[in-house]
N, C-alpha and C. Protein backbone atom coordinates (compact mmCIF):
# COMPACT_ATOMS: atom_id res chain seq x y z
N MET A 1 -9.86 -10.24 -28.97
CA MET A 1 -11.27 -9.92 -29.10
C MET A 1 -11.87 -9.89 -27.70
N CYS A 2 -12.74 -8.95 -27.44
CA CYS A 2 -13.37 -8.88 -26.12
C CYS A 2 -14.42 -9.98 -25.97
N THR A 3 -14.76 -10.27 -24.74
CA THR A 3 -15.71 -11.35 -24.46
C THR A 3 -17.08 -11.08 -25.08
N GLY A 4 -17.51 -9.82 -25.10
CA GLY A 4 -18.79 -9.49 -25.74
C GLY A 4 -18.78 -9.83 -27.22
N GLY A 5 -17.68 -9.52 -27.89
CA GLY A 5 -17.55 -9.85 -29.31
C GLY A 5 -17.52 -11.35 -29.54
N ILE A 6 -16.83 -12.05 -28.65
CA ILE A 6 -16.77 -13.51 -28.74
C ILE A 6 -18.16 -14.11 -28.56
N TYR A 7 -18.90 -13.57 -27.61
CA TYR A 7 -20.27 -14.03 -27.36
C TYR A 7 -21.12 -13.90 -28.63
N TRP A 8 -21.12 -12.71 -29.23
CA TRP A 8 -21.97 -12.47 -30.40
C TRP A 8 -21.46 -13.20 -31.65
N ALA A 9 -20.19 -13.56 -31.68
CA ALA A 9 -19.65 -14.30 -32.82
C ALA A 9 -19.90 -15.81 -32.70
N ASN A 10 -20.56 -16.21 -31.62
CA ASN A 10 -20.89 -17.62 -31.37
C ASN A 10 -19.65 -18.51 -31.25
N ILE A 11 -18.61 -17.96 -30.67
CA ILE A 11 -17.40 -18.75 -30.38
C ILE A 11 -17.65 -19.46 -29.06
N GLY A 12 -17.43 -20.75 -29.02
CA GLY A 12 -17.82 -21.55 -27.87
C GLY A 12 -16.75 -21.78 -26.81
N ARG A 13 -15.55 -21.30 -27.05
CA ARG A 13 -14.47 -21.56 -26.09
C ARG A 13 -13.49 -20.39 -26.09
N ILE A 14 -13.10 -19.97 -24.89
CA ILE A 14 -12.10 -18.92 -24.72
C ILE A 14 -10.96 -19.50 -23.88
N VAL A 15 -9.75 -19.39 -24.40
CA VAL A 15 -8.55 -19.76 -23.65
C VAL A 15 -7.71 -18.51 -23.56
N TYR A 16 -7.35 -18.11 -22.33
CA TYR A 16 -6.58 -16.88 -22.17
C TYR A 16 -5.35 -17.12 -21.31
N GLY A 17 -4.32 -16.32 -21.57
CA GLY A 17 -3.03 -16.51 -20.91
C GLY A 17 -2.87 -15.79 -19.59
N ILE A 18 -3.48 -14.60 -19.45
CA ILE A 18 -3.38 -13.85 -18.20
C ILE A 18 -4.75 -13.33 -17.80
N SER A 19 -4.91 -13.07 -16.52
CA SER A 19 -6.20 -12.59 -16.01
C SER A 19 -6.44 -11.14 -16.40
N GLU A 20 -7.68 -10.73 -16.28
CA GLU A 20 -8.05 -9.33 -16.53
C GLU A 20 -7.30 -8.41 -15.58
N GLY A 21 -7.15 -8.84 -14.33
CA GLY A 21 -6.42 -8.05 -13.35
C GLY A 21 -4.96 -7.86 -13.72
N ARG A 22 -4.34 -8.91 -14.20
CA ARG A 22 -2.93 -8.83 -14.63
C ARG A 22 -2.80 -7.94 -15.85
N LEU A 23 -3.73 -8.01 -16.77
CA LEU A 23 -3.70 -7.14 -17.93
C LEU A 23 -3.85 -5.68 -17.51
N LEU A 24 -4.72 -5.42 -16.55
CA LEU A 24 -4.89 -4.06 -16.05
C LEU A 24 -3.59 -3.53 -15.44
N GLU A 25 -2.85 -4.39 -14.77
CA GLU A 25 -1.54 -3.98 -14.23
C GLU A 25 -0.61 -3.53 -15.37
N LEU A 26 -0.69 -4.19 -16.50
CA LEU A 26 0.18 -3.87 -17.64
C LEU A 26 -0.30 -2.63 -18.40
N THR A 27 -1.61 -2.46 -18.52
CA THR A 27 -2.12 -1.32 -19.28
C THR A 27 -2.10 -0.04 -18.47
N GLY A 28 -2.32 -0.15 -17.18
CA GLY A 28 -2.37 1.04 -16.34
C GLY A 28 -3.61 1.87 -16.65
N ALA A 29 -3.71 3.01 -15.98
CA ALA A 29 -4.83 3.92 -16.21
C ALA A 29 -4.41 4.91 -17.29
N ASP A 30 -5.18 4.97 -18.35
CA ASP A 30 -4.83 5.84 -19.47
C ASP A 30 -6.11 6.30 -20.15
N ASP A 31 -6.29 7.61 -20.27
CA ASP A 31 -7.49 8.15 -20.90
C ASP A 31 -7.63 7.70 -22.35
N LYS A 32 -6.53 7.40 -23.02
CA LYS A 32 -6.57 6.95 -24.41
C LYS A 32 -6.97 5.48 -24.52
N ASN A 33 -6.83 4.74 -23.42
CA ASN A 33 -7.17 3.33 -23.42
C ASN A 33 -7.88 2.98 -22.11
N PRO A 34 -9.11 3.47 -21.94
CA PRO A 34 -9.81 3.17 -20.70
C PRO A 34 -10.17 1.69 -20.65
N THR A 35 -9.94 1.08 -19.53
CA THR A 35 -10.22 -0.35 -19.39
C THR A 35 -11.59 -0.58 -18.78
N PHE A 36 -12.13 -1.74 -19.02
CA PHE A 36 -13.41 -2.16 -18.48
C PHE A 36 -13.11 -3.27 -17.51
N SER A 37 -13.17 -2.97 -16.23
CA SER A 37 -12.72 -3.92 -15.22
C SER A 37 -13.80 -4.96 -14.90
N MET A 38 -13.94 -5.91 -15.79
CA MET A 38 -14.87 -7.01 -15.57
C MET A 38 -14.32 -8.24 -16.27
N GLY A 39 -14.14 -9.29 -15.51
CA GLY A 39 -13.60 -10.52 -16.07
C GLY A 39 -14.56 -11.20 -17.03
N ALA A 40 -14.01 -12.01 -17.91
CA ALA A 40 -14.81 -12.73 -18.90
C ALA A 40 -15.86 -13.62 -18.24
N ASP A 41 -15.54 -14.16 -17.07
CA ASP A 41 -16.49 -15.04 -16.39
C ASP A 41 -17.80 -14.32 -16.06
N LYS A 42 -17.71 -13.05 -15.68
CA LYS A 42 -18.92 -12.28 -15.36
C LYS A 42 -19.72 -11.96 -16.62
N VAL A 43 -19.03 -11.66 -17.70
CA VAL A 43 -19.72 -11.37 -18.97
C VAL A 43 -20.44 -12.61 -19.46
N ILE A 44 -19.77 -13.75 -19.43
CA ILE A 44 -20.38 -15.01 -19.87
C ILE A 44 -21.56 -15.39 -18.99
N ALA A 45 -21.43 -15.20 -17.68
CA ALA A 45 -22.51 -15.54 -16.75
C ALA A 45 -23.77 -14.73 -17.02
N ALA A 46 -23.63 -13.54 -17.58
CA ALA A 46 -24.78 -12.68 -17.86
C ALA A 46 -25.48 -13.06 -19.17
N GLY A 47 -24.87 -13.93 -19.94
CA GLY A 47 -25.44 -14.33 -21.22
C GLY A 47 -26.22 -15.62 -21.15
N GLN A 48 -26.76 -16.03 -22.27
CA GLN A 48 -27.57 -17.24 -22.34
C GLN A 48 -26.91 -18.35 -23.15
N LYS A 49 -25.67 -18.14 -23.56
CA LYS A 49 -24.96 -19.13 -24.36
C LYS A 49 -23.94 -19.86 -23.49
N LYS A 50 -23.69 -21.11 -23.81
CA LYS A 50 -22.66 -21.87 -23.11
C LYS A 50 -21.32 -21.59 -23.79
N ILE A 51 -20.43 -20.97 -23.04
CA ILE A 51 -19.08 -20.70 -23.53
C ILE A 51 -18.11 -21.25 -22.50
N VAL A 52 -17.21 -22.09 -22.94
CA VAL A 52 -16.19 -22.68 -22.06
C VAL A 52 -15.08 -21.66 -21.88
N LEU A 53 -14.70 -21.43 -20.63
CA LEU A 53 -13.67 -20.46 -20.30
C LEU A 53 -12.51 -21.18 -19.62
N GLU A 54 -11.32 -21.09 -20.20
CA GLU A 54 -10.13 -21.75 -19.66
C GLU A 54 -9.01 -20.74 -19.51
N GLY A 55 -8.48 -20.61 -18.31
CA GLY A 55 -7.37 -19.71 -18.10
C GLY A 55 -7.44 -19.11 -16.70
N PRO A 56 -6.45 -18.37 -16.34
CA PRO A 56 -5.23 -18.13 -17.10
C PRO A 56 -4.38 -19.39 -17.21
N VAL A 57 -3.53 -19.40 -18.21
CA VAL A 57 -2.66 -20.55 -18.48
C VAL A 57 -1.25 -20.19 -18.00
N PRO A 58 -0.83 -20.74 -16.86
CA PRO A 58 0.47 -20.37 -16.28
C PRO A 58 1.66 -20.64 -17.21
N GLU A 59 1.55 -21.66 -18.04
CA GLU A 59 2.66 -22.02 -18.93
C GLU A 59 2.98 -20.94 -19.96
N VAL A 60 2.04 -20.07 -20.26
CA VAL A 60 2.29 -19.02 -21.27
C VAL A 60 2.27 -17.61 -20.68
N GLU A 61 2.10 -17.48 -19.37
CA GLU A 61 1.97 -16.16 -18.76
C GLU A 61 3.15 -15.25 -19.07
N ALA A 62 4.36 -15.74 -18.89
CA ALA A 62 5.55 -14.91 -19.14
C ALA A 62 5.59 -14.42 -20.58
N GLU A 63 5.26 -15.28 -21.52
CA GLU A 63 5.27 -14.90 -22.93
C GLU A 63 4.19 -13.85 -23.24
N VAL A 64 3.01 -14.03 -22.68
CA VAL A 64 1.93 -13.07 -22.89
C VAL A 64 2.29 -11.71 -22.30
N VAL A 65 2.84 -11.71 -21.09
CA VAL A 65 3.25 -10.46 -20.45
C VAL A 65 4.30 -9.76 -21.29
N GLU A 66 5.24 -10.49 -21.82
CA GLU A 66 6.32 -9.90 -22.63
C GLU A 66 5.76 -9.20 -23.87
N VAL A 67 4.77 -9.80 -24.50
CA VAL A 67 4.15 -9.20 -25.69
C VAL A 67 3.50 -7.85 -25.33
N HIS A 68 2.92 -7.77 -24.16
CA HIS A 68 2.22 -6.54 -23.74
C HIS A 68 3.16 -5.45 -23.23
N LYS A 69 4.33 -5.82 -22.74
CA LYS A 69 5.26 -4.83 -22.21
C LYS A 69 5.64 -3.83 -23.28
N GLY A 70 5.57 -2.56 -22.94
CA GLY A 70 5.95 -1.52 -23.87
C GLY A 70 4.87 -1.15 -24.88
N PHE A 71 3.80 -1.95 -24.96
CA PHE A 71 2.74 -1.66 -25.93
C PHE A 71 1.76 -0.63 -25.37
N TRP A 72 1.41 -0.77 -24.09
CA TRP A 72 0.42 0.10 -23.47
C TRP A 72 1.09 1.32 -22.87
N ASN A 73 0.41 2.44 -22.94
CA ASN A 73 0.88 3.67 -22.30
C ASN A 73 0.49 3.64 -20.83
N LYS A 74 1.44 3.95 -19.98
CA LYS A 74 1.15 4.03 -18.55
C LYS A 74 1.40 5.46 -18.10
N LYS A 75 0.53 5.94 -17.25
CA LYS A 75 0.72 7.27 -16.67
C LYS A 75 1.61 7.16 -15.46
């Protein structure tokens, strides 16, 4: 779920395995999947709700990357 959706759903904590930058490396530039290059910290800072942000979590990075490999189209 994107950070905007999490904000509006009143979820108070986000734990993520890899950074937005690392995810962008995996997704690449693709017209079918345009990315929004803004980290969750910036989205949360623009809001008025307290949301705890934890991550990236190094212990699960390899597993998260493996799940994404081959899923995204790269040009």
